[in-house]
């Protein structure tokens, strides 16, 4: 009887252990799904740009959320030597509705659109003092105030660097020369083969005539 009791206890314990493992797997999967659906903002694959002094530059930012947005709060800040300067802020009520935006900088213009999930801004008349990091931030109450941010770096220069294409030109010239040489060799080969073929046919015809003449009785 004691052995049977121990068996039932072990079976019950294994079942509880299996339930725990199953629950852990479910929780892990839910966390993975939640993370995949979470709000994310992006400033693009290249998070920096060089702009000329006095020019206008786009500071890009887009957002994404698999479960949608509601009253999405967003803002832009400039890191001014450790002090965060607010440039603009806005709220997007729902998807497809344009945001209500407040701008706090005279040379900043909001150019985004909720239709494109875009919250980018333009900076006019760039100066050397504008160089630095710009942070795009967003918070989605629909995801229990899930928030995310991305940094875009601006470099200001006197003039844009001229890309030296010398190496590229040399490489293209070499490749072009090799291709041209291959084509010439192939043409010469084709011509030589054609001449040899014609010569062989002519020689074969001469041998045939000689054989026929030799075989003719006197």
Protein backbone atom coordinates (compact mmCIF):
# COMPACT_ATOMS: atom_id res chain seq x y z
CA UNK A 1 0.00 0.00 0.00
CA UNK A 2 2.81 2.38 0.82
CA UNK A 3 4.39 1.69 -2.56
CA UNK A 4 1.16 2.55 -4.35
CA UNK A 5 0.84 5.75 -2.32
CA UNK A 6 4.36 6.76 -3.23
CA UNK A 7 3.60 6.02 -6.88
CA UNK A 8 0.53 8.25 -6.85
CA UNK A 9 2.51 10.98 -5.09
CA UNK A 10 5.31 10.78 -7.67
CA UNK A 11 2.80 10.86 -10.54
CA UNK A 12 1.04 13.86 -9.02
CA UNK A 13 4.36 15.63 -8.50
CA UNK A 14 5.38 14.95 -12.13
CA UNK A 15 2.05 16.28 -13.36
CA UNK A 16 2.50 19.45 -11.31
CA UNK A 17 6.06 19.77 -12.62
CA UNK A 18 4.80 19.32 -16.19
CA UNK A 19 2.15 22.01 -15.64
CA UNK A 20 4.82 24.37 -14.32
CA UNK A 21 7.02 23.80 -17.37
CA UNK A 22 4.03 24.27 -19.68
CA UNK A 23 3.09 27.50 -17.92
CA UNK A 24 6.67 28.75 -18.18
CA UNK A 25 6.71 28.04 -21.91
CA UNK A 26 3.40 29.88 -22.38
CA UNK A 27 4.63 32.89 -20.41
CA UNK A 28 7.86 32.97 -22.44
CA UNK A 29 5.94 32.84 -25.71
CA UNK A 30 3.64 35.62 -24.54
CA UNK A 31 6.65 37.74 -23.61
CA UNK A 32 8.20 37.13 -27.04
CA UNK A 33 4.93 38.07 -28.76
CA UNK A 34 4.61 41.16 -26.57
CA UNK A 35 8.15 42.27 -27.36
CA UNK A 36 7.56 41.73 -31.07
CA UNK A 37 4.44 43.91 -30.91
CA UNK A 38 5.98 46.62 -28.74
CA UNK A 39 6.33 50.24 -29.83
CA UNK A 40 9.53 51.07 -31.65
CA UNK A 41 10.89 54.28 -33.12
CA UNK A 42 13.63 54.47 -35.73
CA UNK A 43 15.80 57.20 -37.26
CA UNK A 44 16.80 55.00 -40.20
CA UNK A 45 19.64 52.64 -41.01
CA UNK A 46 22.15 55.52 -40.98
CA UNK A 47 21.65 57.42 -37.68
CA UNK A 48 23.68 60.49 -38.64
CA UNK A 49 24.05 63.10 -41.38
CA UNK A 50 26.48 65.79 -42.49
CA UNK A 51 24.92 69.15 -43.32
CA UNK A 52 26.44 72.37 -44.60
CA UNK A 53 26.38 75.47 -42.45
CA UNK A 54 23.30 77.48 -43.46
CA UNK A 55 21.46 74.58 -45.10
CA UNK A 56 18.21 72.82 -44.19
CA UNK A 57 18.36 69.27 -42.85
CA UNK A 58 15.79 66.56 -42.23
CA UNK A 59 15.87 64.82 -38.85
CA UNK A 60 14.04 61.56 -39.62
CA UNK A 61 11.96 59.46 -37.26
CA UNK A 62 9.26 56.82 -37.74
CA UNK A 63 7.31 54.65 -35.31
CA UNK A 64 5.74 51.20 -35.49
CA UNK A 65 3.45 49.10 -33.32
CA UNK A 66 1.79 45.82 -34.24
CA UNK A 67 -1.19 46.40 -31.96
CA UNK A 68 -1.80 50.00 -33.03
CA UNK A 69 -1.63 53.32 -31.22
CA UNK A 70 -3.91 55.55 -29.19
CA UNK A 71 -2.92 59.01 -27.99
CA UNK A 72 0.67 58.38 -28.98
CA UNK A 73 2.86 61.01 -27.33
CA UNK A 74 6.06 61.99 -29.07
CA UNK A 75 8.74 64.66 -28.78
CA UNK A 76 12.14 65.74 -30.04
CA UNK A 77 14.99 66.87 -27.78
CA UNK A 78 18.42 68.30 -28.51
CA UNK A 79 21.30 67.37 -26.21
CA UNK A 80 22.83 70.79 -25.53
CA UNK A 81 25.98 69.85 -23.60
CA UNK A 82 24.05 67.58 -21.26
CA UNK A 83 20.98 69.79 -21.01
CA UNK A 84 18.02 68.39 -22.96
CA UNK A 85 16.31 71.14 -24.97
CA UNK A 86 12.76 70.33 -26.08
CA UNK A 87 12.23 71.16 -29.76
CA UNK A 88 8.67 69.98 -30.28
CA UNK A 89 6.02 67.62 -28.95
CA UNK A 90 2.79 66.16 -30.22
CA UNK A 91 -0.04 63.69 -29.75
CA UNK A 92 -1.51 61.36 -32.37
CA UNK A 93 -5.06 60.43 -31.21
CA UNK A 94 -5.43 57.34 -33.39
CA UNK A 95 -3.90 55.90 -36.54
CA UNK A 96 -4.62 57.97 -39.64
CA UNK A 97 -5.40 61.15 -37.69
CA UNK A 98 -2.84 63.92 -37.99
CA UNK A 99 -1.13 64.92 -34.74
CA UNK A 100 -1.55 68.03 -32.64
CA UNK A 101 1.96 69.48 -32.56
CA UNK A 102 3.64 72.21 -30.53
CA UNK A 103 6.98 73.58 -31.75
CA UNK A 104 9.36 75.31 -29.32
CA UNK A 105 12.16 76.28 -31.70
CA UNK A 106 11.92 78.98 -34.35
CA UNK A 107 13.94 77.02 -36.91
CA UNK A 108 12.09 73.73 -36.46
CA UNK A 109 9.14 72.55 -38.56
CA UNK A 110 7.19 69.33 -38.09
CA UNK A 111 6.90 67.52 -41.44
CA UNK A 112 5.67 64.09 -40.35
CA UNK A 113 2.34 62.41 -40.99
CA UNK A 114 0.49 59.71 -39.06
CA UNK A 115 -0.53 58.17 -42.39
CA UNK A 116 3.12 57.23 -42.88
CA UNK A 117 3.88 56.65 -39.17
CA UNK A 118 6.30 59.55 -39.59
CA UNK A 119 7.25 62.08 -36.91
CA UNK A 120 10.23 63.70 -38.64
CA UNK A 121 11.21 67.37 -38.34
CA UNK A 122 13.12 69.91 -40.44
CA UNK A 123 15.85 72.15 -39.07
CA UNK A 124 16.35 75.36 -41.06
CA UNK A 125 19.46 77.53 -41.43
CA UNK A 126 21.76 75.05 -39.72
CA UNK A 127 24.59 76.53 -37.64
CA UNK A 128 27.66 74.97 -36.07
CA UNK A 129 25.93 75.28 -32.69
CA UNK A 130 23.26 72.83 -33.93
CA UNK A 131 25.77 70.00 -34.17
CA UNK A 132 25.09 67.13 -31.79
CA UNK A 133 22.55 64.48 -30.80
CA UNK A 134 18.81 64.74 -31.41
CA UNK A 135 16.51 62.30 -29.60
CA UNK A 136 13.17 61.16 -31.00
CA UNK A 137 10.92 59.79 -28.23
CA UNK A 138 7.47 58.19 -28.32
CA UNK A 139 5.10 56.67 -25.74
CA UNK A 140 2.01 54.57 -26.48
CA UNK A 141 -0.69 54.42 -23.76
CA UNK A 142 -2.33 51.57 -25.68
CA UNK A 143 0.68 49.44 -24.74
CA UNK A 144 0.55 50.41 -21.06
CA UNK A 145 2.71 53.48 -21.74
CA UNK A 146 5.36 51.50 -23.54
CA UNK A 147 8.03 53.97 -24.72
CA UNK A 148 11.04 53.96 -26.97
CA UNK A 149 13.58 56.46 -28.26
CA UNK A 150 16.27 56.76 -30.94
CA UNK A 151 19.17 59.17 -31.38
CA UNK A 152 20.08 60.94 -34.63
CA UNK A 153 23.44 62.76 -34.81
CA UNK A 154 24.00 65.92 -36.86
CA UNK A 155 27.45 67.00 -38.04
CA UNK A 156 27.81 70.52 -39.43
CA UNK A 157 30.57 71.32 -41.94
CA UNK A 158 31.76 74.26 -44.05
CA UNK A 159 31.40 72.24 -47.21
CA UNK A 160 30.48 68.70 -48.04
CA UNK A 161 33.39 66.38 -48.68
CA UNK A 162 34.06 65.49 -52.30
CA UNK A 163 34.21 61.73 -52.62
CA UNK A 164 37.49 60.60 -54.22
CA UNK A 165 36.49 58.23 -57.00
CA UNK A 166 40.05 57.66 -58.26
CA UNK A 167 40.25 54.09 -56.99
CA UNK A 168 36.80 53.32 -58.37
CA UNK A 169 37.73 54.75 -61.77
CA UNK A 170 40.96 52.71 -61.83
CA UNK A 171 39.11 49.52 -60.92
CA UNK A 172 36.43 50.14 -63.56
CA UNK A 173 39.12 50.91 -66.14
CA UNK A 174 40.99 47.69 -65.36
CA UNK A 175 37.79 45.64 -65.44
CA UNK A 176 36.76 47.31 -68.71
CA UNK A 177 40.20 46.64 -70.21
CA UNK A 178 40.08 42.98 -69.20
CA UNK A 179 36.59 42.57 -70.66
CA UNK A 180 37.71 44.29 -73.88
CA UNK A 181 40.78 42.03 -74.12
CA UNK A 182 38.64 38.93 -73.63
CA UNK A 183 36.28 40.09 -76.40
CA UNK A 184 39.22 40.73 -78.78
CA UNK A 185 40.72 37.30 -78.02
CA UNK A 186 37.36 35.61 -78.65
CA UNK A 187 36.93 37.47 -81.97
CA UNK A 188 40.46 36.51 -83.09
CA UNK A 189 39.83 32.92 -82.04
CA UNK A 190 36.58 32.84 -84.02
CA UNK A 191 38.26 34.29 -87.14
CA UNK A 192 41.21 31.86 -86.91
CA UNK A 193 38.88 28.89 -86.48
CA UNK A 194 36.83 30.07 -89.45
CA UNK A 195 39.96 30.38 -91.64
CA UNK A 196 41.23 26.97 -90.55
CA UNK A 197 37.85 25.44 -91.29
CA UNK A 198 37.75 26.95 -94.80
CA UNK A 199 41.35 25.89 -95.42
CA UNK A 200 40.57 22.35 -94.31
CA UNK A 201 37.52 22.23 -96.57
CA UNK A 202 39.61 23.50 -99.52
CA UNK A 203 42.36 20.95 -98.91
CA UNK A 204 39.78 18.20 -98.64
CA UNK A 205 38.33 19.26 -102.01
CA UNK A 206 41.77 19.22 -103.66
CA UNK A 207 42.50 15.75 -102.31
CA UNK A 208 39.15 14.55 -103.61
CA UNK A 209 39.90 15.90 -107.10
CA UNK A 210 43.35 14.27 -107.14
CA UNK A 211 41.92 10.96 -106.01
CA UNK A 212 39.27 11.12 -108.70
CA UNK A 213 41.86 11.94 -111.39
CA UNK A 214 44.09 9.09 -110.27
CA UNK A 215 41.27 6.63 -110.33
CA UNK A 216 40.26 7.53 -113.94
CA UNK A 217 41.53 4.82 -116.42
CA UNK A 218 43.70 5.89 -119.40
